[in-house]
Amino acid sequence: MEQHRALTEAAGIDWESCRPLLACPPEYMLETLTYLDERHGGAADYLVACGIELSAVESLRRSIVE
């Protein structure tokens, strides 16, 4: 988050005015994951269908879960 703040401020943008745009309520994420499960078989299958290599998806999964 600090890296984003530094980049935002370096661009002359007020950080505090941007913070609400970076939030994601848990219920929104759950709705998104449910949608991906129902329509695409899950987030991983969706990303692979979009052209992301499976190895990159697995790397992302490990970094999120850890």
PDB file of N, CA and C in Angstrom:
ATOM      1  N   MET A   1       0.818  -1.187   0.000  1.00  0.00           N
ATOM      2  CA  MET A   1       0.000   0.000   0.000  1.00  0.00           C
ATOM      3  C   MET A   1       0.866   1.257   0.000  1.00  0.00           C
ATOM      4  N   GLU A   2       1.970   1.194   0.700  1.00  0.00           N
ATOM      5  CA  GLU A   2       2.849   2.365   0.760  1.00  0.00           C
ATOM      6  C   GLU A   2       3.420   2.721  -0.610  1.00  0.00           C
ATOM      7  N   GLN A   3       3.682   1.700  -1.415  1.00  0.00           N
ATOM      8  CA  GLN A   3       4.193   1.957  -2.761  1.00  0.00           C
ATOM      9  C   GLN A   3       3.141   2.706  -3.584  1.00  0.00           C
ATOM     10  N   HIS A   4       1.880   2.299  -3.449  1.00  0.00           N
ATOM     11  CA  HIS A   4       0.798   2.984  -4.170  1.00  0.00           C
ATOM     12  C   HIS A   4       0.664   4.433  -3.693  1.00  0.00           C
ATOM     13  N   ARG A   5       0.789   4.600  -2.387  1.00  0.00           N
ATOM     14  CA  ARG A   5       0.696   5.958  -1.839  1.00  0.00           C
ATOM     15  C   ARG A   5       1.800   6.837  -2.405  1.00  0.00           C
ATOM     16  N   ALA A   6       3.019   6.333  -2.423  1.00  0.00           N
ATOM     17  CA  ALA A   6       4.145   7.112  -2.933  1.00  0.00           C
ATOM     18  C   ALA A   6       3.950   7.478  -4.403  1.00  0.00           C
ATOM     19  N   LEU A   7       3.500   6.528  -5.205  1.00  0.00           N
ATOM     20  CA  LEU A   7       3.268   6.800  -6.633  1.00  0.00           C
ATOM     21  C   LEU A   7       2.148   7.811  -6.828  1.00  0.00           C
ATOM     22  N   THR A   8       1.098   7.670  -6.042  1.00  0.00           N
ATOM     23  CA  THR A   8      -0.035   8.586  -6.142  1.00  0.00           C
ATOM     24  C   THR A   8       0.392  10.000  -5.785  1.00  0.00           C
ATOM     25  N   GLU A   9       1.079  10.136  -4.670  1.00  0.00           N
ATOM     26  CA  GLU A   9       1.526  11.461  -4.237  1.00  0.00           C
ATOM     27  C   GLU A   9       2.556  12.053  -5.200  1.00  0.00           C
ATOM     28  N   ALA A  10       3.407  11.212  -5.777  1.00  0.00           N
ATOM     29  CA  ALA A  10       4.397  11.689  -6.745  1.00  0.00           C
ATOM     30  C   ALA A  10       3.720  12.246  -7.998  1.00  0.00           C
ATOM     31  N   ALA A  11       2.516  11.726  -8.295  1.00  0.00           N
ATOM     32  CA  ALA A  11       1.764  12.207  -9.448  1.00  0.00           C
ATOM     33  C   ALA A  11       0.950  13.462  -9.111  1.00  0.00           C
ATOM     34  N   GLY A  12       1.078  13.925  -7.850  1.00  0.00           N
ATOM     35  CA  GLY A  12       0.372  15.132  -7.446  1.00  0.00           C
ATOM     36  C   GLY A  12      -1.089  14.907  -7.078  1.00  0.00           C
ATOM     37  N   ILE A  13      -1.427  13.654  -6.755  1.00  0.00           N
ATOM     38  CA  ILE A  13      -2.803  13.301  -6.408  1.00  0.00           C
ATOM     39  C   ILE A  13      -2.896  13.126  -4.899  1.00  0.00           C
ATOM     40  N   ASP A  14      -3.960  13.680  -4.310  1.00  0.00           N
ATOM     41  CA  ASP A  14      -4.169  13.567  -2.874  1.00  0.00           C
ATOM     42  C   ASP A  14      -4.493  12.123  -2.503  1.00  0.00           C
ATOM     43  N   TRP A  15      -3.647  11.529  -1.688  1.00  0.00           N
ATOM     44  CA  TRP A  15      -3.795  10.120  -1.306  1.00  0.00           C
ATOM     45  C   TRP A  15      -5.110   9.856  -0.589  1.00  0.00           C
ATOM     46  N   GLU A  16      -5.468  10.710   0.340  1.00  0.00           N
ATOM     47  CA  GLU A  16      -6.675  10.473   1.135  1.00  0.00           C
ATOM     48  C   GLU A  16      -7.930  10.467   0.273  1.00  0.00           C
ATOM     49  N   SER A  17      -7.939  11.220  -0.806  1.00  0.00           N
ATOM     50  CA  SER A  17      -9.114  11.223  -1.682  1.00  0.00           C
ATOM     51  C   SER A  17      -9.187   9.947  -2.519  1.00  0.00           C
ATOM     52  N   CYS A  18      -8.064   9.255  -2.675  1.00  0.00           N
ATOM     53  CA  CYS A  18      -8.030   8.013  -3.464  1.00  0.00           C
ATOM     54  C   CYS A  18      -8.302   6.765  -2.642  1.00  0.00           C
ATOM     55  N   ARG A  19      -8.058   6.810  -1.358  1.00  0.00           N
ATOM     56  CA  ARG A  19      -8.172   5.611  -0.514  1.00  0.00           C
ATOM     57  C   ARG A  19      -9.515   4.899  -0.629  1.00  0.00           C
ATOM     58  N   PRO A  20     -10.646   5.613  -0.655  1.00  0.00           N
ATOM     59  CA  PRO A  20     -11.924   4.897  -0.777  1.00  0.00           C
ATOM     60  C   PRO A  20     -12.050   4.100  -2.076  1.00  0.00           C
ATOM     61  N   LEU A  21     -11.357   4.523  -3.105  1.00  0.00           N
ATOM     62  CA  LEU A  21     -11.415   3.818  -4.387  1.00  0.00           C
ATOM     63  C   LEU A  21     -10.665   2.489  -4.356  1.00  0.00           C
ATOM     64  N   LEU A  22      -9.806   2.309  -3.368  1.00  0.00           N
ATOM     65  CA  LEU A  22      -9.004   1.095  -3.264  1.00  0.00           C
ATOM     66  C   LEU A  22      -9.645   0.023  -2.376  1.00  0.00           C
ATOM     67  N   ALA A  23     -10.737   0.370  -1.729  1.00  0.00           N
ATOM     68  CA  ALA A  23     -11.394  -0.562  -0.814  1.00  0.00           C
ATOM     69  C   ALA A  23     -12.261  -1.559  -1.579  1.00  0.00           C
ATOM     70  N   CYS A  24     -12.380  -2.732  -1.014  1.00  0.00           N
ATOM     71  CA  CYS A  24     -13.265  -3.760  -1.571  1.00  0.00           C
ATOM     72  C   CYS A  24     -13.946  -4.466  -0.402  1.00  0.00           C
ATOM     73  N   PRO A  25     -15.211  -4.149  -0.174  1.00  0.00           N
ATOM     74  CA  PRO A  25     -15.925  -4.814   0.916  1.00  0.00           C
ATOM     75  C   PRO A  25     -15.920  -6.329   0.714  1.00  0.00           C
ATOM     76  N   PRO A  26     -15.799  -7.094   1.781  1.00  0.00           N
ATOM     77  CA  PRO A  26     -15.737  -8.557   1.660  1.00  0.00           C
ATOM     78  C   PRO A  26     -16.908  -9.154   0.881  1.00  0.00           C
ATOM     79  N   GLU A  27     -18.100  -8.601   1.048  1.00  0.00           N
ATOM     80  CA  GLU A  27     -19.253  -9.161   0.335  1.00  0.00           C
ATOM     81  C   GLU A  27     -19.124  -8.992  -1.180  1.00  0.00           C
ATOM     82  N   TYR A  28     -18.455  -7.941  -1.645  1.00  0.00           N
ATOM     83  CA  TYR A  28     -18.229  -7.776  -3.078  1.00  0.00           C
ATOM     84  C   TYR A  28     -17.289  -8.864  -3.598  1.00  0.00           C
ATOM     85  N   MET A  29     -16.255  -9.152  -2.827  1.00  0.00           N
ATOM     86  CA  MET A  29     -15.310 -10.183  -3.240  1.00  0.00           C
ATOM     87  C   MET A  29     -15.991 -11.545  -3.264  1.00  0.00           C
ATOM     88  N   LEU A  30     -16.805 -11.833  -2.261  1.00  0.00           N
ATOM     89  CA  LEU A  30     -17.524 -13.111  -2.237  1.00  0.00           C
ATOM     90  C   LEU A  30     -18.468 -13.235  -3.426  1.00  0.00           C
ATOM     91  N   GLU A  31     -19.154 -12.154  -3.774  1.00  0.00           N
ATOM     92  CA  GLU A  31     -20.034 -12.171  -4.948  1.00  0.00           C
ATOM     93  C   GLU A  31     -19.236 -12.422  -6.226  1.00  0.00           C
ATOM     94  N   THR A  32     -18.090 -11.802  -6.333  1.00  0.00           N
ATOM     95  CA  THR A  32     -17.240 -11.987  -7.512  1.00  0.00           C
ATOM     96  C   THR A  32     -16.760 -13.428  -7.609  1.00  0.00           C
ATOM     97  N   LEU A  33     -16.306 -13.991  -6.493  1.00  0.00           N
ATOM     98  CA  LEU A  33     -15.832 -15.378  -6.500  1.00  0.00           C
ATOM     99  C   LEU A  33     -16.967 -16.353  -6.818  1.00  0.00           C
ATOM    100  N   THR A  34     -18.161 -16.083  -6.311  1.00  0.00           N
ATOM    101  CA  THR A  34     -19.318 -16.926  -6.628  1.00  0.00           C
ATOM    102  C   THR A  34     -19.625 -16.868  -8.116  1.00  0.00           C
ATOM    103  N   TYR A  35     -19.599 -15.674  -8.678  1.00  0.00           N
ATOM    104  CA  TYR A  35     -19.833 -15.500 -10.112  1.00  0.00           C
ATOM    105  C   TYR A  35     -18.802 -16.284 -10.929  1.00  0.00           C
ATOM    106  N   LEU A  36     -17.534 -16.146 -10.562  1.00  0.00           N
ATOM    107  CA  LEU A  36     -16.485 -16.860 -11.290  1.00  0.00           C
ATOM    108  C   LEU A  36     -16.659 -18.370 -11.179  1.00  0.00           C
ATOM    109  N   ASP A  37     -17.054 -18.852 -10.012  1.00  0.00           N
ATOM    110  CA  ASP A  37     -17.313 -20.289  -9.834  1.00  0.00           C
ATOM    111  C   ASP A  37     -18.456 -20.754 -10.730  1.00  0.00           C
ATOM    112  N   GLU A  38     -19.555 -20.000 -10.725  1.00  0.00           N
ATOM    113  CA  GLU A  38     -20.746 -20.407 -11.474  1.00  0.00           C
ATOM    114  C   GLU A  38     -20.562 -20.300 -12.976  1.00  0.00           C
ATOM    115  N   ARG A  39     -19.900 -19.252 -13.437  1.00  0.00           N
ATOM    116  CA  ARG A  39     -19.781 -19.001 -14.870  1.00  0.00           C
ATOM    117  C   ARG A  39     -18.545 -19.606 -15.524  1.00  0.00           C
ATOM    118  N   HIS A  40     -17.477 -19.753 -14.740  1.00  0.00           N
ATOM    119  CA  HIS A  40     -16.197 -20.131 -15.353  1.00  0.00           C
ATOM    120  C   HIS A  40     -15.497 -21.298 -14.671  1.00  0.00           C
ATOM    121  N   GLY A  41     -16.109 -21.854 -13.641  1.00  0.00           N
ATOM    122  CA  GLY A  41     -15.472 -22.958 -12.934  1.00  0.00           C
ATOM    123  C   GLY A  41     -14.449 -22.506 -11.905  1.00  0.00           C
ATOM    124  N   GLY A  42     -14.388 -21.221 -11.630  1.00  0.00           N
ATOM    125  CA  GLY A  42     -13.470 -20.689 -10.628  1.00  0.00           C
ATOM    126  C   GLY A  42     -12.568 -19.616 -11.199  1.00  0.00           C
ATOM    127  N   ALA A  43     -11.899 -18.927 -10.303  1.00  0.00           N
ATOM    128  CA  ALA A  43     -11.021 -17.828 -10.698  1.00  0.00           C
ATOM    129  C   ALA A  43      -9.852 -18.309 -11.550  1.00  0.00           C
ATOM    130  N   ALA A  44      -9.274 -19.442 -11.180  1.00  0.00           N
ATOM    131  CA  ALA A  44      -8.124 -19.954 -11.933  1.00  0.00           C
ATOM    132  C   ALA A  44      -8.508 -20.284 -13.370  1.00  0.00           C
ATOM    133  N   ASP A  45      -9.637 -20.962 -13.541  1.00  0.00           N
ATOM    134  CA  ASP A  45     -10.085 -21.294 -14.899  1.00  0.00           C
ATOM    135  C   ASP A  45     -10.371 -20.035 -15.715  1.00  0.00           C
ATOM    136  N   TYR A  46     -10.942 -19.030 -15.069  1.00  0.00           N
ATOM    137  CA  TYR A  46     -11.221 -17.770 -15.748  1.00  0.00           C
ATOM    138  C   TYR A  46      -9.931 -17.115 -16.224  1.00  0.00           C
ATOM    139  N   LEU A  47      -8.934 -17.046 -15.348  1.00  0.00           N
ATOM    140  CA  LEU A  47      -7.667 -16.415 -15.713  1.00  0.00           C
ATOM    141  C   LEU A  47      -6.962 -17.160 -16.840  1.00  0.00           C
ATOM    142  N   VAL A  48      -6.992 -18.482 -16.791  1.00  0.00           N
ATOM    143  CA  VAL A  48      -6.380 -19.277 -17.861  1.00  0.00           C
ATOM    144  C   VAL A  48      -7.116 -19.033 -19.177  1.00  0.00           C
ATOM    145  N   ALA A  49      -8.449 -18.962 -19.124  1.00  0.00           N
ATOM    146  CA  ALA A  49      -9.234 -18.692 -20.333  1.00  0.00           C
ATOM    147  C   ALA A  49      -8.923 -17.307 -20.908  1.00  0.00           C
ATOM    148  N   CYS A  50      -8.482 -16.388 -20.054  1.00  0.00           N
ATOM    149  CA  CYS A  50      -8.109 -15.036 -20.496  1.00  0.00           C
ATOM    150  C   CYS A  50      -6.687 -14.982 -21.048  1.00  0.00           C
ATOM    151  N   GLY A  51      -5.982 -16.100 -20.992  1.00  0.00           N
ATOM    152  CA  GLY A  51      -4.647 -16.151 -21.566  1.00  0.00           C
ATOM    153  C   GLY A  51      -3.504 -16.113 -20.564  1.00  0.00           C
ATOM    154  N   ILE A  52      -3.832 -16.136 -19.282  1.00  0.00           N
ATOM    155  CA  ILE A  52      -2.779 -16.158 -18.260  1.00  0.00           C
ATOM    156  C   ILE A  52      -2.254 -17.590 -18.153  1.00  0.00           C
ATOM    157  N   GLU A  53      -0.958 -17.756 -18.161  1.00  0.00           N
ATOM    158  CA  GLU A  53      -0.391 -19.098 -18.057  1.00  0.00           C
ATOM    159  C   GLU A  53      -0.710 -19.710 -16.699  1.00  0.00           C
ATOM    160  N   LEU A  54      -0.975 -21.015 -16.696  1.00  0.00           N
ATOM    161  CA  LEU A  54      -1.332 -21.709 -15.466  1.00  0.00           C
ATOM    162  C   LEU A  54      -0.248 -21.543 -14.406  1.00  0.00           C
ATOM    163  N   SER A  55       1.013 -21.537 -14.811  1.00  0.00           N
ATOM    164  CA  SER A  55       2.095 -21.368 -13.828  1.00  0.00           C
ATOM    165  C   SER A  55       1.993 -20.006 -13.141  1.00  0.00           C
ATOM    166  N   ALA A  56       1.585 -18.979 -13.872  1.00  0.00           N
ATOM    167  CA  ALA A  56       1.419 -17.647 -13.277  1.00  0.00           C
ATOM    168  C   ALA A  56       0.233 -17.630 -12.321  1.00  0.00           C
ATOM    169  N   VAL A  57      -0.837 -18.333 -12.688  1.00  0.00           N
ATOM    170  CA  VAL A  57      -2.014 -18.425 -11.822  1.00  0.00           C
ATOM    171  C   VAL A  57      -1.641 -19.129 -10.522  1.00  0.00           C
ATOM    172  N   GLU A  58      -0.895 -20.205 -10.621  1.00  0.00           N
ATOM    173  CA  GLU A  58      -0.471 -20.945  -9.425  1.00  0.00           C
ATOM    174  C   GLU A  58       0.455 -20.099  -8.555  1.00  0.00           C
ATOM    175  N   SER A  59       1.327 -19.339  -9.168  1.00  0.00           N
ATOM    176  CA  SER A  59       2.214 -18.453  -8.420  1.00  0.00           C
ATOM    177  C   SER A  59       1.401 -17.385  -7.682  1.00  0.00           C
ATOM    178  N   LEU A  60       0.422 -16.837  -8.355  1.00  0.00           N
ATOM    179  CA  LEU A  60      -0.468 -15.854  -7.734  1.00  0.00           C
ATOM    180  C   LEU A  60      -1.223 -16.480  -6.563  1.00  0.00           C
ATOM    181  N   ARG A  61      -1.733 -17.694  -6.767  1.00  0.00           N
ATOM    182  CA  ARG A  61      -2.456 -18.377  -5.704  1.00  0.00           C
ATOM    183  C   ARG A  61      -1.560 -18.558  -4.477  1.00  0.00           C
ATOM    184  N   ARG A  62      -0.324 -18.989  -4.698  1.00  0.00           N
ATOM    185  CA  ARG A  62       0.603 -19.185  -3.562  1.00  0.00           C
ATOM    186  C   ARG A  62       0.865 -17.867  -2.829  1.00  0.00           C
ATOM    187  N   SER A  63       1.036 -16.801  -3.570  1.00  0.00           N
ATOM    188  CA  SER A  63       1.343 -15.523  -2.919  1.00  0.00           C
ATOM    189  C   SER A  63       0.152 -14.964  -2.162  1.00  0.00           C
ATOM    190  N   ILE A  64      -1.056 -15.258  -2.609  1.00  0.00           N
ATOM    191  CA  ILE A  64      -2.245 -14.794  -1.915  1.00  0.00           C
ATOM    192  C   ILE A  64      -2.527 -15.637  -0.664  1.00  0.00           C
ATOM    193  N   VAL A  65      -2.326 -16.931  -0.766  1.00  0.00           N
ATOM    194  CA  VAL A  65      -2.628 -17.840   0.330  1.00  0.00           C
ATOM    195  C   VAL A  65      -1.609 -17.733   1.449  1.00  0.00           C
ATOM    196  N   GLU A  66      -0.381 -17.466   1.121  1.00  0.00           N
ATOM    197  CA  GLU A  66       0.681 -17.394   2.135  1.00  0.00           C
ATOM    198  C   GLU A  66       0.516 -16.275   3.047  1.00  0.00           C
TER     199      GLU A  66
END
